[in-house]
Amino acid sequence: ILTHGYWLLDGLILFILKGIRFGRKGSSYDWVIIKPDAVGDFFIGLPYLQAFCRHQFSAGKKVCVIGNEAWISVAKNNLSDAYCLPVDRLALYKNPWYRGQILIKISDLKAE
């Protein structure tokens, strides 16, 4: 239940950062997929993620995958055209400073 509150707060922070950081240069991505899941959950969803990314790449869209550092190297090998950003899952939930830094990186991706 605690993690659901985080995502609500994260959405508010990203909305505020978008207004504050308007006009700042950064990479522009059409899709940002955030999956801080465990390794097993990643492998269950990998075929769907590959199909989604293939479809988006063929349409000329850019995709960024933000994921658990335990499996992000596998994602880089299987999703060669996607930008992959690793996050420490434990620190993401336990360390507010680390979480804030990740939110700033997400806002720099300039995804809608």
C-alpha atoms as a PDB file:
ATOM      1  CA  ILE A   1       0.000   0.000   0.000  1.00  0.00           C
ATOM      2  CA  LEU A   2       2.904   2.329   0.745  1.00  0.00           C
ATOM      3  CA  THR A   3       4.239   2.091  -2.810  1.00  0.00           C
ATOM      4  CA  HIS A   4       0.900   3.272  -4.269  1.00  0.00           C
ATOM      5  CA  GLY A   5       1.272   6.485  -2.301  1.00  0.00           C
ATOM      6  CA  TYR A   6       4.756   6.911  -3.728  1.00  0.00           C
ATOM      7  CA  TRP A   7       3.485   6.822  -7.309  1.00  0.00           C
ATOM      8  CA  LEU A   8       0.832   9.435  -6.528  1.00  0.00           C
ATOM      9  CA  LEU A   9       3.453  11.689  -4.959  1.00  0.00           C
ATOM     10  CA  ASP A  10       5.877  10.994  -7.824  1.00  0.00           C
ATOM     11  CA  GLY A  11       3.271  12.100 -10.358  1.00  0.00           C
ATOM     12  CA  LEU A  12       2.813  15.369  -8.493  1.00  0.00           C
ATOM     13  CA  ILE A  13       6.573  15.951  -8.269  1.00  0.00           C
ATOM     14  CA  LEU A  14       7.054  15.234 -11.988  1.00  0.00           C
ATOM     15  CA  PHE A  15       4.226  17.660 -12.819  1.00  0.00           C
ATOM     16  CA  ILE A  16       5.909  20.378 -10.732  1.00  0.00           C
ATOM     17  CA  LEU A  17       9.348  19.622 -12.225  1.00  0.00           C
ATOM     18  CA  LYS A  18       7.885  19.862 -15.726  1.00  0.00           C
ATOM     19  CA  GLY A  19       6.746  23.415 -14.998  1.00  0.00           C
ATOM     20  CA  ILE A  20       9.969  24.460 -13.284  1.00  0.00           C
ATOM     21  CA  ARG A  21      12.290  22.897 -15.849  1.00  0.00           C
ATOM     22  CA  PHE A  22      10.390  24.152 -18.922  1.00  0.00           C
ATOM     23  CA  GLY A  23      12.794  24.883 -21.769  1.00  0.00           C
ATOM     24  CA  ARG A  24      15.654  22.889 -20.275  1.00  0.00           C
ATOM     25  CA  LYS A  25      17.513  20.800 -22.803  1.00  0.00           C
ATOM     26  CA  GLY A  26      17.259  17.041 -22.547  1.00  0.00           C
ATOM     27  CA  SER A  27      16.528  13.945 -24.558  1.00  0.00           C
ATOM     28  CA  SER A  28      13.031  13.658 -25.921  1.00  0.00           C
ATOM     29  CA  TYR A  29      11.402  10.229 -25.645  1.00  0.00           C
ATOM     30  CA  ASP A  30       7.951   9.241 -26.808  1.00  0.00           C
ATOM     31  CA  TRP A  31       7.612   6.462 -24.222  1.00  0.00           C
ATOM     32  CA  VAL A  32       9.156   6.002 -20.790  1.00  0.00           C
ATOM     33  CA  ILE A  33       8.507   2.607 -19.226  1.00  0.00           C
ATOM     34  CA  ILE A  34       9.235   2.340 -15.511  1.00  0.00           C
ATOM     35  CA  LYS A  35       9.615  -1.260 -14.290  1.00  0.00           C
ATOM     36  CA  PRO A  36      11.450  -1.581 -10.967  1.00  0.00           C
ATOM     37  CA  ASP A  37      10.253  -5.200 -10.797  1.00  0.00           C
ATOM     38  CA  ALA A  38      12.174  -8.190  -9.543  1.00  0.00           C
ATOM     39  CA  VAL A  39      14.063 -10.402 -12.008  1.00  0.00           C
ATOM     40  CA  GLY A  40      11.293 -13.002 -12.370  1.00  0.00           C
ATOM     41  CA  ASP A  41       8.645 -10.385 -13.126  1.00  0.00           C
ATOM     42  CA  PHE A  42      10.899  -8.879 -15.774  1.00  0.00           C
ATOM     43  CA  PHE A  43      11.364 -12.205 -17.576  1.00  0.00           C
ATOM     44  CA  ILE A  44       7.605 -12.834 -17.544  1.00  0.00           C
ATOM     45  CA  GLY A  45       6.967  -9.485 -19.225  1.00  0.00           C
ATOM     46  CA  LEU A  46      10.013  -9.465 -21.533  1.00  0.00           C
ATOM     47  CA  PRO A  47       8.242 -10.816 -24.666  1.00  0.00           C
ATOM     48  CA  TYR A  48       5.552  -8.141 -24.342  1.00  0.00           C
ATOM     49  CA  LEU A  49       8.135  -5.426 -23.779  1.00  0.00           C
ATOM     50  CA  GLN A  50      10.081  -6.588 -26.851  1.00  0.00           C
ATOM     51  CA  ALA A  51       6.942  -6.573 -28.993  1.00  0.00           C
ATOM     52  CA  PHE A  52       5.949  -3.118 -27.740  1.00  0.00           C
ATOM     53  CA  CYS A  53       9.409  -1.679 -28.391  1.00  0.00           C
ATOM     54  CA  ARG A  54       9.608  -3.264 -31.866  1.00  0.00           C
ATOM     55  CA  HIS A  55       6.234  -1.738 -32.754  1.00  0.00           C
ATOM     56  CA  GLN A  56       7.265   1.700 -31.474  1.00  0.00           C
ATOM     57  CA  PHE A  57      10.667   1.607 -33.189  1.00  0.00           C
ATOM     58  CA  SER A  58       9.033   0.703 -36.503  1.00  0.00           C
ATOM     59  CA  ALA A  59       6.778   3.758 -36.064  1.00  0.00           C
ATOM     60  CA  GLY A  60       9.842   5.949 -35.496  1.00  0.00           C
ATOM     61  CA  LYS A  61       9.252   6.443 -31.763  1.00  0.00           C
ATOM     62  CA  LYS A  62      11.928   6.533 -29.061  1.00  0.00           C
ATOM     63  CA  VAL A  63      11.554   4.347 -25.954  1.00  0.00           C
ATOM     64  CA  CYS A  64      13.296   4.558 -22.579  1.00  0.00           C
ATOM     65  CA  VAL A  65      13.127   1.664 -20.111  1.00  0.00           C
ATOM     66  CA  ILE A  66      13.873   2.435 -16.466  1.00  0.00           C
ATOM     67  CA  GLY A  67      14.414  -0.762 -14.544  1.00  0.00           C
ATOM     68  CA  ASN A  68      15.980  -2.713 -11.746  1.00  0.00           C
ATOM     69  CA  GLU A  69      19.760  -2.785 -12.007  1.00  0.00           C
ATOM     70  CA  ALA A  70      19.620  -6.574 -11.463  1.00  0.00           C
ATOM     71  CA  TRP A  71      18.205  -7.142 -14.965  1.00  0.00           C
ATOM     72  CA  ILE A  72      18.847  -3.940 -16.913  1.00  0.00           C
ATOM     73  CA  SER A  73      21.871  -5.442 -18.706  1.00  0.00           C
ATOM     74  CA  VAL A  74      19.600  -8.198 -20.076  1.00  0.00           C
ATOM     75  CA  ALA A  75      17.166  -5.497 -21.217  1.00  0.00           C
ATOM     76  CA  LYS A  76      19.996  -3.656 -23.007  1.00  0.00           C
ATOM     77  CA  ASN A  77      20.840  -6.849 -24.929  1.00  0.00           C
ATOM     78  CA  ASN A  78      17.220  -7.653 -25.833  1.00  0.00           C
ATOM     79  CA  LEU A  79      16.007  -4.097 -26.462  1.00  0.00           C
ATOM     80  CA  SER A  80      18.939  -2.799 -28.472  1.00  0.00           C
ATOM     81  CA  ASP A  81      17.223   0.393 -29.687  1.00  0.00           C
ATOM     82  CA  ALA A  82      15.823   1.407 -26.289  1.00  0.00           C
ATOM     83  CA  TYR A  83      17.657   3.620 -23.835  1.00  0.00           C
ATOM     84  CA  CYS A  84      17.922   1.679 -20.556  1.00  0.00           C
ATOM     85  CA  LEU A  85      18.385   3.457 -17.231  1.00  0.00           C
ATOM     86  CA  PRO A  86      19.231   1.287 -14.184  1.00  0.00           C
ATOM     87  CA  VAL A  87      17.803   2.014 -10.729  1.00  0.00           C
ATOM     88  CA  ASP A  88      18.542   0.421  -7.371  1.00  0.00           C
ATOM     89  CA  ARG A  89      15.148  -0.989  -6.389  1.00  0.00           C
ATOM     90  CA  LEU A  90      15.810  -0.987  -2.639  1.00  0.00           C
ATOM     91  CA  ALA A  91      17.151   2.575  -2.625  1.00  0.00           C
ATOM     92  CA  LEU A  92      14.228   3.695  -4.781  1.00  0.00           C
ATOM     93  CA  TYR A  93      11.780   2.732  -2.034  1.00  0.00           C
ATOM     94  CA  LYS A  94      13.918   3.484   1.039  1.00  0.00           C
ATOM     95  CA  ASN A  95      15.983   6.565   0.167  1.00  0.00           C
ATOM     96  CA  PRO A  96      14.022   9.775  -0.609  1.00  0.00           C
ATOM     97  CA  TRP A  97      17.152  11.556  -1.905  1.00  0.00           C
ATOM     98  CA  TYR A  98      17.878   8.759  -4.408  1.00  0.00           C
ATOM     99  CA  ARG A  99      14.212   8.711  -5.443  1.00  0.00           C
ATOM    100  CA  GLY A 100      14.353  12.470  -6.049  1.00  0.00           C
ATOM    101  CA  GLN A 101      17.449  12.092  -8.231  1.00  0.00           C
ATOM    102  CA  ILE A 102      15.693   9.441 -10.319  1.00  0.00           C
ATOM    103  CA  LEU A 103      12.643  11.702 -10.689  1.00  0.00           C
ATOM    104  CA  ILE A 104      14.896  14.501 -11.938  1.00  0.00           C
ATOM    105  CA  LYS A 105      16.410  12.100 -14.504  1.00  0.00           C
ATOM    106  CA  ILE A 106      12.897  11.091 -15.588  1.00  0.00           C
ATOM    107  CA  SER A 107      11.889  14.741 -16.006  1.00  0.00           C
ATOM    108  CA  ASP A 108      15.018  15.305 -18.130  1.00  0.00           C
ATOM    109  CA  LEU A 109      13.773  12.621 -20.544  1.00  0.00           C
ATOM    110  CA  LYS A 110      11.006  15.042 -21.597  1.00  0.00           C
ATOM    111  CA  ALA A 111       8.358  12.388 -22.205  1.00  0.00           C
ATOM    112  CA  GLU A 112       4.700  13.361 -22.269  1.00  0.00           C
END
